[in-house]
Amino acid sequence: MEDRFFDDFAIGERFSTRGITLTESAIIDFATRYDPQPFHIDVEAAKASNYGGLIASGFQTLALGFRMVLETGVFRASSMGSPGFDELRWLKPVRPGDTLRTVTIIKEIQPSKSKPDRGVVKHDVIVTNQRGETVLTGTFVIILKRRRDTV
C-alpha cells in the first residue's frame, strides 16, 4: 500500500483486512496471560458456563482486530499513536476455529489546531467472523502526521 498521511484520508473511506483464524491454544495462551477467566482458559469450565464452550477474551479480539488494520499498512507511514477509542462493544463470542476480519471506515478528520504537523482521525472498526456476524465494534482514534508539503 502506498504511504498515506493525515491529508490523504477521506471521510467514508473504508479498508478491509485479511482473515486470522483463532485456535484453541491461541485463545488459552492469550487468556492465561491477560484475562484468566475460566471460560477463556479451561475447556471443561467453559462448557459449564453461560457460553457453553471456550471463547476468546474480548481483549484478544480487540488486539487482533487492530493488528489486522495495522497489517494493511494504511497507517504505517504516519501513525503517531492513539489517545484511545470510543464506544467499544463485544457483540458475540469468538470461538476456536473462528476466522476474524476487520473493516475500518474513516469517520472524522480533524487537523490539530495547536500542532500543524498532525491531525486526528476517528475510524469505525468492525470485526466479523467467517459467518459475517459482527463480533466487535468501536471507534478508534489515531494521531497521524501530515505530509511535509501541506504543513
C-alpha atoms as a PDB file:
ATOM      1  CA  MET A   1       0.000   0.000   0.000  1.00  0.00           C
ATOM      2  CA  GLU A   2       1.181   3.499  -0.828  1.00  0.00           C
ATOM      3  CA  ASP A   3       2.272   5.565   2.179  1.00  0.00           C
ATOM      4  CA  ARG A   4      -0.621   7.646   3.455  1.00  0.00           C
ATOM      5  CA  PHE A   5      -0.650  10.659   5.693  1.00  0.00           C
ATOM      6  CA  PHE A   6      -3.389  12.574   7.504  1.00  0.00           C
ATOM      7  CA  ASP A   7      -4.171  14.668   4.405  1.00  0.00           C
ATOM      8  CA  ASP A   8      -4.694  11.560   2.259  1.00  0.00           C
ATOM      9  CA  PHE A   9      -7.733  10.220   4.125  1.00  0.00           C
ATOM     10  CA  ALA A  10     -11.360  10.983   3.285  1.00  0.00           C
ATOM     11  CA  ILE A  11     -14.493  10.532   5.376  1.00  0.00           C
ATOM     12  CA  GLY A  12     -16.270   7.338   4.351  1.00  0.00           C
ATOM     13  CA  GLU A  13     -13.134   5.669   3.023  1.00  0.00           C
ATOM     14  CA  ARG A  14     -13.015   2.001   4.017  1.00  0.00           C
ATOM     15  CA  PHE A  15     -10.270  -0.576   4.338  1.00  0.00           C
ATOM     16  CA  SER A  16     -10.661  -4.347   4.662  1.00  0.00           C
ATOM     17  CA  THR A  17      -8.197  -6.811   6.123  1.00  0.00           C
ATOM     18  CA  ARG A  18      -7.155 -10.388   5.596  1.00  0.00           C
ATOM     19  CA  GLY A  19      -8.505 -13.006   7.996  1.00  0.00           C
ATOM     20  CA  ILE A  20      -6.967 -14.525  11.112  1.00  0.00           C
ATOM     21  CA  THR A  21      -8.220 -17.891  12.423  1.00  0.00           C
ATOM     22  CA  LEU A  22      -8.092 -18.435  16.176  1.00  0.00           C
ATOM     23  CA  THR A  23      -7.067 -21.801  17.545  1.00  0.00           C
ATOM     24  CA  GLU A  24      -7.994 -23.200  20.929  1.00  0.00           C
ATOM     25  CA  SER A  25      -4.365 -22.988  22.049  1.00  0.00           C
ATOM     26  CA  ALA A  26      -4.042 -19.352  20.939  1.00  0.00           C
ATOM     27  CA  ILE A  27      -7.181 -18.449  22.903  1.00  0.00           C
ATOM     28  CA  ILE A  28      -5.972 -20.236  26.037  1.00  0.00           C
ATOM     29  CA  ASP A  29      -2.413 -18.849  25.755  1.00  0.00           C
ATOM     30  CA  PHE A  30      -3.621 -15.253  25.457  1.00  0.00           C
ATOM     31  CA  ALA A  31      -6.171 -15.554  28.236  1.00  0.00           C
ATOM     32  CA  THR A  32      -3.758 -17.314  30.583  1.00  0.00           C
ATOM     33  CA  ARG A  33      -1.508 -14.264  30.365  1.00  0.00           C
ATOM     34  CA  TYR A  34      -4.022 -11.428  30.178  1.00  0.00           C
ATOM     35  CA  ASP A  35      -7.593 -12.476  31.011  1.00  0.00           C
ATOM     36  CA  PRO A  36      -7.572 -15.728  33.029  1.00  0.00           C
ATOM     37  CA  GLN A  37     -11.300 -16.233  33.413  1.00  0.00           C
ATOM     38  CA  PRO A  38     -12.468 -19.884  33.382  1.00  0.00           C
ATOM     39  CA  PHE A  39     -14.448 -19.577  30.116  1.00  0.00           C
ATOM     40  CA  HIS A  40     -11.245 -18.400  28.383  1.00  0.00           C
ATOM     41  CA  ILE A  41      -8.702 -20.854  29.816  1.00  0.00           C
ATOM     42  CA  ASP A  42     -10.484 -24.066  30.867  1.00  0.00           C
ATOM     43  CA  VAL A  43     -12.387 -26.090  28.255  1.00  0.00           C
ATOM     44  CA  GLU A  44     -14.440 -28.018  30.820  1.00  0.00           C
ATOM     45  CA  ALA A  45     -15.300 -24.949  32.906  1.00  0.00           C
ATOM     46  CA  ALA A  46     -16.229 -23.109  29.697  1.00  0.00           C
ATOM     47  CA  LYS A  47     -18.679 -25.887  28.750  1.00  0.00           C
ATOM     48  CA  ALA A  48     -20.454 -25.360  32.078  1.00  0.00           C
ATOM     49  CA  SER A  49     -20.516 -21.552  31.676  1.00  0.00           C
ATOM     50  CA  ASN A  50     -23.238 -19.430  30.149  1.00  0.00           C
ATOM     51  CA  TYR A  51     -21.204 -19.530  26.890  1.00  0.00           C
ATOM     52  CA  GLY A  52     -21.417 -23.322  26.578  1.00  0.00           C
ATOM     53  CA  GLY A  53     -17.793 -23.564  25.448  1.00  0.00           C
ATOM     54  CA  LEU A  54     -14.441 -21.866  25.235  1.00  0.00           C
ATOM     55  CA  ILE A  55     -14.442 -18.272  23.991  1.00  0.00           C
ATOM     56  CA  ALA A  56     -11.674 -15.800  23.236  1.00  0.00           C
ATOM     57  CA  SER A  57     -11.047 -12.862  25.514  1.00  0.00           C
ATOM     58  CA  GLY A  58     -12.577  -9.681  24.154  1.00  0.00           C
ATOM     59  CA  PHE A  59      -9.171  -8.095  24.625  1.00  0.00           C
ATOM     60  CA  GLN A  60      -7.693 -10.689  22.259  1.00  0.00           C
ATOM     61  CA  THR A  61     -10.388  -9.897  19.698  1.00  0.00           C
ATOM     62  CA  LEU A  62      -9.637  -6.186  20.087  1.00  0.00           C
ATOM     63  CA  ALA A  63      -5.878  -6.727  19.710  1.00  0.00           C
ATOM     64  CA  LEU A  64      -6.278  -8.942  16.648  1.00  0.00           C
ATOM     65  CA  GLY A  65      -8.760  -6.570  15.034  1.00  0.00           C
ATOM     66  CA  PHE A  66      -6.345  -3.681  15.436  1.00  0.00           C
ATOM     67  CA  ARG A  67      -3.370  -5.780  14.329  1.00  0.00           C
ATOM     68  CA  MET A  68      -5.169  -6.664  11.114  1.00  0.00           C
ATOM     69  CA  VAL A  69      -5.790  -2.972  10.394  1.00  0.00           C
ATOM     70  CA  LEU A  70      -2.129  -2.157  11.011  1.00  0.00           C
ATOM     71  CA  GLU A  71      -1.045  -5.008   8.731  1.00  0.00           C
ATOM     72  CA  THR A  72      -2.825  -3.350   5.799  1.00  0.00           C
ATOM     73  CA  GLY A  73      -0.164  -0.616   6.027  1.00  0.00           C
ATOM     74  CA  VAL A  74      -2.777   2.128   5.879  1.00  0.00           C
ATOM     75  CA  PHE A  75      -1.307   3.970   8.902  1.00  0.00           C
ATOM     76  CA  ARG A  76       2.307   2.747   8.575  1.00  0.00           C
ATOM     77  CA  ALA A  77       3.896   5.979   7.358  1.00  0.00           C
ATOM     78  CA  SER A  78       2.059   8.414   9.572  1.00  0.00           C
ATOM     79  CA  SER A  79       0.906   6.903  12.867  1.00  0.00           C
ATOM     80  CA  MET A  80       1.898   8.870  15.942  1.00  0.00           C
ATOM     81  CA  GLY A  81      -0.080   6.662  18.319  1.00  0.00           C
ATOM     82  CA  SER A  82      -3.536   6.848  19.768  1.00  0.00           C
ATOM     83  CA  PRO A  83      -5.188   8.599  22.693  1.00  0.00           C
ATOM     84  CA  GLY A  84      -7.760   5.797  22.906  1.00  0.00           C
ATOM     85  CA  PHE A  85     -11.027   4.567  21.488  1.00  0.00           C
ATOM     86  CA  ASP A  86     -14.725   5.188  21.989  1.00  0.00           C
ATOM     87  CA  GLU A  87     -17.823   3.016  22.094  1.00  0.00           C
ATOM     88  CA  LEU A  88     -16.048  -0.337  22.242  1.00  0.00           C
ATOM     89  CA  ARG A  89     -18.524  -3.239  22.174  1.00  0.00           C
ATOM     90  CA  TRP A  90     -18.102  -7.003  22.203  1.00  0.00           C
ATOM     91  CA  LEU A  91     -21.238  -8.270  20.470  1.00  0.00           C
ATOM     92  CA  LYS A  92     -20.747 -12.024  20.012  1.00  0.00           C
ATOM     93  CA  PRO A  93     -18.377 -14.591  21.474  1.00  0.00           C
ATOM     94  CA  VAL A  94     -15.366 -15.623  19.395  1.00  0.00           C
ATOM     95  CA  ARG A  95     -14.704 -19.358  19.451  1.00  0.00           C
ATOM     96  CA  PRO A  96     -11.865 -21.663  18.419  1.00  0.00           C
ATOM     97  CA  GLY A  97     -11.858 -22.015  14.640  1.00  0.00           C
ATOM     98  CA  ASP A  98     -13.449 -18.612  14.008  1.00  0.00           C
ATOM     99  CA  THR A  99     -11.795 -16.539  11.299  1.00  0.00           C
ATOM    100  CA  LEU A 100     -11.883 -12.828  12.023  1.00  0.00           C
ATOM    101  CA  ARG A 101     -11.679  -9.958   9.546  1.00  0.00           C
ATOM    102  CA  THR A 102     -11.763  -6.236  10.123  1.00  0.00           C
ATOM    103  CA  VAL A 103     -13.251  -3.378   8.175  1.00  0.00           C
ATOM    104  CA  THR A 104     -12.348   0.152   9.191  1.00  0.00           C
ATOM    105  CA  ILE A 105     -14.228   3.204   7.951  1.00  0.00           C
ATOM    106  CA  ILE A 106     -12.907   6.754   8.268  1.00  0.00           C
ATOM    107  CA  LYS A 107     -15.453   8.675  10.337  1.00  0.00           C
ATOM    108  CA  GLU A 108     -13.907  12.036  11.300  1.00  0.00           C
ATOM    109  CA  ILE A 109     -10.854  14.011  10.224  1.00  0.00           C
ATOM    110  CA  GLN A 110      -9.661  16.929  12.349  1.00  0.00           C
ATOM    111  CA  PRO A 111      -6.407  18.848  11.794  1.00  0.00           C
ATOM    112  CA  SER A 112      -4.700  19.805  15.047  1.00  0.00           C
ATOM    113  CA  LYS A 113      -5.184  23.463  15.955  1.00  0.00           C
ATOM    114  CA  SER A 114      -2.070  23.616  18.138  1.00  0.00           C
ATOM    115  CA  LYS A 115       0.288  21.289  16.222  1.00  0.00           C
ATOM    116  CA  PRO A 116       0.096  21.842  12.474  1.00  0.00           C
ATOM    117  CA  ASP A 117       2.238  18.783  11.674  1.00  0.00           C
ATOM    118  CA  ARG A 118      -0.563  16.368  12.636  1.00  0.00           C
ATOM    119  CA  GLY A 119      -4.255  15.627  12.798  1.00  0.00           C
ATOM    120  CA  VAL A 120      -6.686  13.255  14.452  1.00  0.00           C
ATOM    121  CA  VAL A 121      -8.636  10.623  12.561  1.00  0.00           C
ATOM    122  CA  LYS A 122     -11.520   8.678  14.082  1.00  0.00           C
ATOM    123  CA  HIS A 123     -12.319   5.435  12.338  1.00  0.00           C
ATOM    124  CA  ASP A 124     -15.053   2.906  12.992  1.00  0.00           C
ATOM    125  CA  VAL A 125     -13.722  -0.614  13.378  1.00  0.00           C
ATOM    126  CA  ILE A 126     -15.952  -3.619  12.693  1.00  0.00           C
ATOM    127  CA  VAL A 127     -14.645  -7.130  13.332  1.00  0.00           C
ATOM    128  CA  THR A 128     -16.641 -10.008  11.855  1.00  0.00           C
ATOM    129  CA  ASN A 129     -16.360 -13.776  11.886  1.00  0.00           C
ATOM    130  CA  GLN A 130     -16.486 -16.180   8.940  1.00  0.00           C
ATOM    131  CA  ARG A 131     -20.306 -16.169   9.045  1.00  0.00           C
ATOM    132  CA  GLY A 132     -20.375 -12.394   8.598  1.00  0.00           C
ATOM    133  CA  GLU A 133     -21.537 -11.864  12.185  1.00  0.00           C
ATOM    134  CA  THR A 134     -20.215  -8.723  13.847  1.00  0.00           C
ATOM    135  CA  VAL A 135     -18.251  -9.676  16.965  1.00  0.00           C
ATOM    136  CA  LEU A 136     -16.716  -6.302  17.893  1.00  0.00           C
ATOM    137  CA  THR A 137     -17.274  -2.652  17.077  1.00  0.00           C
ATOM    138  CA  GLY A 138     -15.590   0.508  18.215  1.00  0.00           C
ATOM    139  CA  THR A 139     -14.420   3.927  17.198  1.00  0.00           C
ATOM    140  CA  PHE A 140     -10.641   4.165  17.275  1.00  0.00           C
ATOM    141  CA  VAL A 141      -8.824   7.489  17.472  1.00  0.00           C
ATOM    142  CA  ILE A 142      -5.392   7.857  15.876  1.00  0.00           C
ATOM    143  CA  ILE A 143      -2.985  10.762  15.536  1.00  0.00           C
ATOM    144  CA  LEU A 144      -1.424  10.966  12.081  1.00  0.00           C
ATOM    145  CA  LYS A 145       1.435  13.012  10.642  1.00  0.00           C
ATOM    146  CA  ARG A 146       0.628  15.448   7.873  1.00  0.00           C
ATOM    147  CA  ARG A 147       2.541  15.494   4.606  1.00  0.00           C
ATOM    148  CA  ARG A 148       5.512  17.865   4.791  1.00  0.00           C
ATOM    149  CA  ASP A 149       4.309  19.827   1.792  1.00  0.00           C
ATOM    150  CA  THR A 150       0.969  20.682   3.467  1.00  0.00           C
ATOM    151  CA  VAL A 151       2.368  21.957   6.767  1.00  0.00           C
END
